[in-house]
Amino acid sequence: MNRGVIYLVIGMILTINWNIQAVCIPGYEDYEQIIPFEILGEEGVLILSNSPETVKETGVLYREKVCGRSRMVFHHVNATGKNDKKLLITVKNNSLKPQMMIVDKEGCAPPLYHYLEAGNRLLNAYYRCHTSKVYFLEPNECMMLYDSTPYEWKQQMVLSGMLDFYTTDYLEVTFSVIEKEASLESIDSLKVLDMDLAPRGTFPCLTKYQYIWLTGEKNSYYLIEDEERDWVQGKDNLTGKTAVNYGNYGILYKIKLAASKDTQVFVCPRGGIFQGTIRWENGQTHLIARKHVFKVKKERIDIGQIKKGEVKTLEYILPNGSAAPVLIGFDVNK
């Protein structure tokens, strides 16, 4: 028996079901709440640059040194009053020996006025990315990894993206907003911008592997990251303070589902504003969106079906700009 099957069996045994008659979510009074068994998380570092989300002047947004497996996520709005700014992500090798960086997955949206659409576009690009890029940095070399210059980053437009990468040793990653004609050297003289209400920081989690056994006894649901205790904590490298990833942006959930009866799977965002993509078995992607916000009409969107005895995987990332939590529901076919 291979390791994946062993983990699934353990998850099927240890999945917890909570009857929610006393504390129920409107519309799901007769459903049972499922708490998945989480057996492991992917080691690595998540770098989140989202604060200040509304950028009012040039400066450094975030900076961190990383080594090994990492993911970076950014989401910023141009509120500087001018259209002559650009968003840069630079990588610097401060060591005395050459280093290598491999970007093996990425998704970036062009500047958009629709913040929810930006989060959705980057997820679509991220899920469809199957190419890798290899970079070599000489000692003390600074390389530009992302540059918004090909686009005009107009006022109130958002830039949003996510990249998975690996480094052979420590490299310094800097997110900054500078004048469009400025050089890379000008970054060294920039001040660090203060945070606003959005999160930023470095977090020790990339992927959560979860396992759910659908017993078929009753309709049920899983509410992803509903409480503050579910949010990953880390550190703000610029201030040294504890950082909280409210909503767990940039963290991939790989949820393996096994069913004892034919079961219909659906998704229903519960945090209000939401537009994003969920990946189902065999790479199928499903758009979770409506013209109105889900806070007004919390209808569900069907994802697919699990037949009796089947095991399928659902992948979920909270889209940049959208709100948590998200409910994944399971209706037993009668």
Protein backbone atom coordinates (compact mmCIF):
# COMPACT_ATOMS: atom_id res chain seq x y z
CA MET A 1 0.00 0.00 0.00
CA ASN A 2 1.54 3.35 -1.05
CA ARG A 3 1.83 6.34 1.26
CA GLY A 4 -1.04 8.29 -0.39
CA VAL A 5 -3.48 5.43 0.20
CA ILE A 6 -2.31 5.06 3.82
CA TYR A 7 -2.90 8.79 4.43
CA LEU A 8 -6.35 8.58 2.88
CA VAL A 9 -7.33 5.63 5.06
CA ILE A 10 -6.14 7.46 8.17
CA GLY A 11 -8.04 10.56 7.09
CA MET A 12 -11.19 8.53 6.53
CA ILE A 13 -10.91 7.13 10.03
CA LEU A 14 -10.17 10.43 11.74
CA THR A 15 -12.46 12.85 9.90
CA ILE A 16 -14.68 14.54 12.50
CA ASN A 17 -18.36 15.36 11.97
CA TRP A 18 -20.08 18.01 14.08
CA ASN A 19 -23.87 18.22 14.27
CA ILE A 20 -24.68 21.91 13.91
CA GLN A 21 -28.33 22.00 15.00
CA ALA A 22 -27.46 24.36 17.87
CA VAL A 23 -25.05 26.67 16.03
CA CYS A 24 -26.04 26.59 12.38
CA ILE A 25 -25.29 28.55 9.23
CA PRO A 26 -28.45 29.94 7.61
CA GLY A 27 -29.53 27.60 4.84
CA TYR A 28 -27.61 24.67 6.27
CA GLU A 29 -29.48 23.98 9.50
CA ASP A 30 -29.89 20.29 8.65
CA TYR A 31 -26.30 19.75 7.49
CA GLU A 32 -23.44 18.33 9.53
CA GLN A 33 -20.21 20.27 9.73
CA ILE A 34 -17.10 18.34 8.75
CA ILE A 35 -13.67 19.07 10.20
CA PRO A 36 -11.16 17.44 7.79
CA PHE A 37 -8.22 15.45 9.01
CA GLU A 38 -5.06 17.40 8.16
CA ILE A 39 -2.08 15.11 8.11
CA LEU A 40 0.68 17.40 6.88
CA GLY A 41 1.57 20.73 5.34
CA GLU A 42 4.14 21.44 2.66
CA GLU A 43 7.31 22.89 4.09
CA GLY A 44 8.36 26.22 2.67
CA VAL A 45 7.90 29.96 3.02
CA LEU A 46 5.02 32.11 1.85
CA ILE A 47 5.89 35.78 1.26
CA LEU A 48 2.79 37.97 1.23
CA SER A 49 3.04 41.56 -0.04
CA ASN A 50 -0.42 43.08 0.33
CA SER A 51 0.11 46.00 2.70
CA PRO A 52 -0.14 48.81 2.01
CA GLU A 53 -2.76 47.47 -0.37
CA THR A 54 -3.53 51.05 -1.40
CA VAL A 55 -0.12 52.49 -2.37
CA LYS A 56 0.01 56.28 -2.02
CA GLU A 57 3.72 56.91 -2.65
CA THR A 58 6.88 55.26 -3.92
CA GLY A 59 8.74 53.01 -1.52
CA VAL A 60 9.48 49.46 -0.40
CA LEU A 61 6.34 47.35 0.10
CA TYR A 62 8.03 44.29 1.59
CA ARG A 63 11.44 42.63 1.77
CA GLU A 64 12.55 39.16 2.89
CA LYS A 65 15.44 36.69 2.56
CA VAL A 66 14.39 33.22 1.44
CA CYS A 67 16.03 29.86 0.82
CA GLY A 68 14.57 26.68 -0.65
CA ARG A 69 10.92 26.21 -1.57
CA SER A 70 8.90 29.46 -1.50
CA ARG A 71 5.82 31.21 -2.85
CA MET A 72 5.29 34.95 -3.25
CA VAL A 73 1.92 36.68 -3.46
CA PHE A 74 1.32 40.38 -4.20
CA HIS A 75 -1.78 42.56 -4.49
CA HIS A 76 -1.46 46.37 -4.67
CA VAL A 77 -3.53 49.32 -5.91
CA ASN A 78 -2.03 52.47 -7.43
CA ALA A 79 -3.24 55.44 -5.39
CA THR A 80 -0.17 57.64 -5.87
CA GLY A 81 -2.09 60.23 -7.89
CA LYS A 82 -0.07 59.54 -11.05
CA ASN A 83 0.15 56.88 -13.76
CA ASP A 84 3.96 57.03 -14.05
CA LYS A 85 4.72 54.39 -11.38
CA LYS A 86 5.70 50.74 -11.71
CA LEU A 87 5.64 47.74 -9.40
CA LEU A 88 8.84 45.73 -9.24
CA ILE A 89 9.92 42.47 -7.66
CA THR A 90 13.69 42.22 -7.48
CA VAL A 91 15.90 39.37 -6.31
CA LYS A 92 19.44 39.99 -5.05
CA ASN A 93 22.27 37.57 -4.35
CA ASN A 94 24.15 39.03 -1.38
CA SER A 95 26.50 36.06 -1.11
CA LEU A 96 29.98 35.58 -2.52
CA LYS A 97 29.04 32.63 -4.71
CA PRO A 98 26.65 32.18 -7.67
CA GLN A 99 23.07 31.17 -6.88
CA MET A 100 20.22 29.63 -8.86
CA MET A 101 16.51 30.43 -8.76
CA ILE A 102 13.81 28.31 -10.42
CA VAL A 103 10.31 29.70 -10.95
CA ASP A 104 8.19 26.63 -11.61
CA LYS A 105 4.67 28.07 -11.43
CA GLU A 106 3.27 31.56 -11.79
CA GLY A 107 0.12 33.50 -12.43
CA CYS A 108 -0.15 37.28 -12.81
CA ALA A 109 -3.05 39.51 -13.84
CA PRO A 110 -2.63 42.71 -15.88
CA PRO A 111 -3.68 45.99 -14.21
CA LEU A 112 -7.44 45.92 -13.66
CA TYR A 113 -10.07 48.14 -12.07
CA HIS A 114 -12.03 45.04 -11.04
CA TYR A 115 -10.14 43.73 -8.00
CA LEU A 116 -12.06 40.44 -7.81
CA GLU A 117 -11.42 39.72 -11.49
CA ALA A 118 -7.69 40.25 -10.89
CA GLY A 119 -7.64 37.53 -8.24
CA ASN A 120 -9.56 35.20 -10.51
CA ARG A 121 -7.33 35.81 -13.53
CA LEU A 122 -4.13 35.10 -11.64
CA LEU A 123 -5.55 31.80 -10.34
CA ASN A 124 -6.54 30.75 -13.85
CA ALA A 125 -3.03 31.53 -15.08
CA TYR A 126 -1.45 29.83 -12.07
CA TYR A 127 -3.42 26.59 -12.49
CA ARG A 128 -2.61 26.46 -16.21
CA CYS A 129 1.11 27.16 -15.85
CA HIS A 130 3.26 24.14 -16.76
CA THR A 131 6.58 25.78 -17.61
CA SER A 132 9.58 26.67 -15.47
CA LYS A 133 12.18 29.43 -15.69
CA VAL A 134 15.73 29.12 -14.44
CA TYR A 135 17.81 32.13 -13.37
CA PHE A 136 21.47 32.33 -12.34
CA LEU A 137 22.66 35.20 -10.16
CA GLU A 138 26.31 36.13 -9.79
CA PRO A 139 27.62 37.37 -6.43
CA ASN A 140 26.00 40.74 -5.53
CA GLU A 141 23.85 40.62 -8.67
CA CYS A 142 20.33 42.11 -8.53
CA MET A 143 17.78 40.68 -10.96
CA MET A 144 14.34 41.98 -11.91
CA LEU A 145 11.84 39.13 -11.52
CA TYR A 146 8.63 41.09 -12.18
CA ASP A 147 8.13 44.48 -13.82
CA SER A 148 4.74 46.06 -14.51
CA THR A 149 6.27 48.46 -17.07
CA PRO A 150 4.73 46.77 -20.16
CA TYR A 151 1.38 47.92 -18.76
CA GLU A 152 0.14 51.36 -17.77
CA TRP A 153 -0.66 51.06 -14.07
CA LYS A 154 -3.37 53.72 -13.88
CA GLN A 155 -4.96 55.19 -10.79
CA GLN A 156 -7.08 52.76 -8.75
CA MET A 157 -5.92 49.81 -10.86
CA VAL A 158 -4.75 46.72 -8.99
CA LEU A 159 -1.75 44.52 -9.79
CA SER A 160 -2.06 40.96 -8.50
CA GLY A 161 0.09 37.86 -8.87
CA MET A 162 1.54 34.67 -7.39
CA LEU A 163 4.78 32.78 -8.11
CA ASP A 164 6.20 29.48 -6.81
CA PHE A 165 9.98 29.23 -6.79
CA TYR A 166 13.01 27.48 -5.39
CA THR A 167 16.44 28.90 -4.50
CA THR A 168 19.70 27.05 -3.86
CA ASP A 169 20.67 29.45 -1.06
CA TYR A 170 19.45 32.67 0.55
CA LEU A 171 18.30 35.40 -1.84
CA GLU A 172 16.77 38.75 -0.93
CA VAL A 173 13.36 39.48 -2.45
CA THR A 174 12.10 43.07 -2.53
CA PHE A 175 8.67 44.38 -3.58
CA SER A 176 8.71 48.08 -4.41
CA VAL A 177 6.91 50.87 -6.23
CA ILE A 178 9.15 53.33 -8.06
CA GLU A 179 9.01 55.92 -10.82
CA LYS A 180 8.56 54.33 -14.22
CA GLU A 181 11.88 55.68 -15.53
CA ALA A 182 13.85 54.94 -12.35
CA SER A 183 16.70 52.42 -12.28
CA LEU A 184 17.06 49.33 -10.10
CA GLU A 185 19.72 51.13 -8.06
CA SER A 186 17.12 53.64 -6.86
CA ILE A 187 15.44 50.91 -4.80
CA ASP A 188 18.28 51.01 -2.27
CA SER A 189 17.36 54.57 -1.29
CA LEU A 190 13.61 54.01 -0.93
CA LYS A 191 11.88 54.19 2.43
CA VAL A 192 9.75 51.36 3.76
CA LEU A 193 6.04 52.15 3.44
CA ASP A 194 3.74 51.81 6.43
CA MET A 195 1.08 49.10 6.44
CA ASP A 196 -2.64 49.72 6.04
CA LEU A 197 -5.36 47.28 7.12
CA ALA A 198 -4.32 44.55 4.64
CA PRO A 199 -1.90 41.75 5.71
CA ARG A 200 1.73 41.25 4.86
CA GLY A 201 4.49 39.03 6.18
CA THR A 202 6.38 35.76 5.93
CA PHE A 203 4.51 32.57 6.78
CA PRO A 204 5.75 28.96 7.24
CA CYS A 205 3.08 27.24 5.13
CA LEU A 206 2.52 26.68 1.42
CA THR A 207 0.04 23.80 1.10
CA LYS A 208 -2.44 22.13 3.43
CA TYR A 209 -3.22 18.49 2.66
CA GLN A 210 -6.63 17.51 4.00
CA TYR A 211 -8.70 14.32 3.92
CA ILE A 212 -12.46 13.93 4.17
CA TRP A 213 -14.46 10.73 4.42
CA LEU A 214 -18.06 11.30 3.24
CA THR A 215 -20.05 8.67 5.10
CA GLY A 216 -23.25 9.25 3.15
CA GLU A 217 -25.33 9.33 6.33
CA LYS A 218 -26.29 12.98 5.97
CA ASN A 219 -25.70 16.08 3.87
CA SER A 220 -22.63 17.91 5.19
CA TYR A 221 -20.28 20.83 4.64
CA TYR A 222 -16.75 22.05 5.31
CA LEU A 223 -16.26 25.75 6.10
CA ILE A 224 -12.68 26.63 5.12
CA GLU A 225 -10.84 28.79 7.66
CA ASP A 226 -13.82 30.26 9.46
CA GLU A 227 -12.10 31.27 12.70
CA GLU A 228 -9.01 33.26 13.59
CA ARG A 229 -7.32 30.20 15.05
CA ASP A 230 -7.31 28.74 11.52
CA TRP A 231 -5.27 31.62 10.08
CA VAL A 232 -1.55 31.04 9.65
CA GLN A 233 0.74 33.21 11.75
CA GLY A 234 4.21 34.36 10.80
CA LYS A 235 6.44 37.39 11.06
CA ASP A 236 6.69 40.78 9.41
CA ASN A 237 10.36 40.93 8.46
CA LEU A 238 10.29 44.74 8.20
CA THR A 239 8.91 45.40 11.70
CA GLY A 240 9.77 42.17 13.54
CA LYS A 241 6.17 41.91 14.70
CA THR A 242 3.89 38.89 14.51
CA ALA A 243 1.96 38.74 11.24
CA VAL A 244 -1.41 37.09 10.64
CA ASN A 245 -2.52 35.91 7.19
CA TYR A 246 -6.19 36.81 7.51
CA GLY A 247 -8.05 34.40 5.23
CA ASN A 248 -4.83 32.47 4.41
CA TYR A 249 -4.14 34.12 1.08
CA GLY A 250 -1.68 32.21 -1.10
CA ILE A 251 -2.08 28.90 0.74
CA LEU A 252 -3.10 25.97 -1.44
CA TYR A 253 -5.63 23.50 -0.02
CA LYS A 254 -5.48 20.02 -1.53
CA ILE A 255 -8.60 18.31 -0.22
CA LYS A 256 -8.90 14.60 -0.96
CA LEU A 257 -12.48 13.33 -0.81
CA ALA A 258 -13.70 9.74 -0.52
CA ALA A 259 -17.39 8.80 -0.64
CA SER A 260 -19.37 5.78 0.56
CA LYS A 261 -22.40 6.94 -1.49
CA ASP A 262 -22.88 9.00 -4.64
CA THR A 263 -22.40 12.61 -3.49
CA GLN A 264 -22.80 15.98 -5.21
CA VAL A 265 -20.11 18.58 -4.41
CA PHE A 266 -20.80 22.32 -4.45
CA VAL A 267 -19.18 25.58 -3.32
CA CYS A 268 -20.80 28.54 -1.59
CA PRO A 269 -18.70 31.60 -0.56
CA ARG A 270 -19.87 32.96 2.80
CA GLY A 271 -17.67 36.03 3.27
CA GLY A 272 -19.43 38.33 0.83
CA ILE A 273 -17.34 39.45 -2.13
CA PHE A 274 -15.82 36.56 -4.08
CA GLN A 275 -14.68 35.68 -7.57
CA GLY A 276 -12.26 32.88 -8.18
CA THR A 277 -11.43 29.50 -9.62
CA ILE A 278 -11.41 26.08 -7.97
CA ARG A 279 -9.66 23.11 -9.56
CA TRP A 280 -11.42 19.77 -9.54
CA GLU A 281 -10.22 16.29 -10.50
CA ASN A 282 -8.14 15.88 -13.69
CA GLY A 283 -7.36 19.59 -13.94
CA GLN A 284 -10.94 20.77 -14.46
CA THR A 285 -11.40 24.39 -13.34
CA HIS A 286 -14.67 25.93 -12.21
CA LEU A 287 -15.41 29.65 -12.00
CA ILE A 288 -17.02 30.69 -8.72
CA ALA A 289 -18.60 34.03 -9.55
CA ARG A 290 -21.84 35.96 -9.87
CA LYS A 291 -22.72 39.51 -10.98
CA HIS A 292 -23.79 40.28 -7.42
CA VAL A 293 -21.85 39.64 -4.22
CA PHE A 294 -22.48 36.38 -2.41
CA LYS A 295 -23.26 38.27 0.78
CA VAL A 296 -26.60 39.24 -0.76
CA LYS A 297 -27.46 35.93 -2.40
CA LYS A 298 -25.51 33.01 -1.01
CA GLU A 299 -26.38 30.52 -3.69
CA ARG A 300 -24.24 27.51 -4.38
CA ILE A 301 -22.29 26.54 -7.48
CA ASP A 302 -22.02 22.86 -8.40
CA ILE A 303 -18.52 21.48 -8.89
CA GLY A 304 -19.10 17.82 -9.68
CA GLN A 305 -20.01 14.41 -8.33
CA ILE A 306 -18.17 11.71 -6.43
CA LYS A 307 -19.44 8.21 -7.10
CA LYS A 308 -19.59 5.58 -4.40
CA GLY A 309 -16.09 4.26 -3.75
CA GLU A 310 -14.34 7.04 -5.68
CA VAL A 311 -11.57 9.29 -4.40
CA LYS A 312 -11.22 12.78 -5.90
CA THR A 313 -9.16 15.88 -5.16
CA LEU A 314 -10.31 19.48 -4.96
CA GLU A 315 -7.79 22.36 -4.95
CA TYR A 316 -8.66 25.72 -3.44
CA ILE A 317 -6.80 29.02 -2.96
CA LEU A 318 -8.55 32.12 -1.59
CA PRO A 319 -8.42 34.55 -4.56
CA ASN A 320 -6.66 37.87 -4.01
CA GLY A 321 -9.31 40.52 -3.33
CA SER A 322 -11.98 38.03 -2.28
CA ALA A 323 -13.22 37.31 1.23
CA ALA A 324 -13.19 34.17 3.38
CA PRO A 325 -14.69 31.84 4.46
CA VAL A 326 -15.83 29.49 1.70
CA LEU A 327 -18.22 26.61 2.26
CA ILE A 328 -17.75 23.34 0.39
CA GLY A 329 -20.95 21.31 0.57
CA PHE A 330 -21.80 17.67 0.01
CA ASP A 331 -25.30 16.47 -0.87
CA VAL A 332 -25.93 12.73 -0.70
CA ASN A 333 -27.79 11.42 -3.71
CA LYS A 334 -30.97 9.70 -2.56
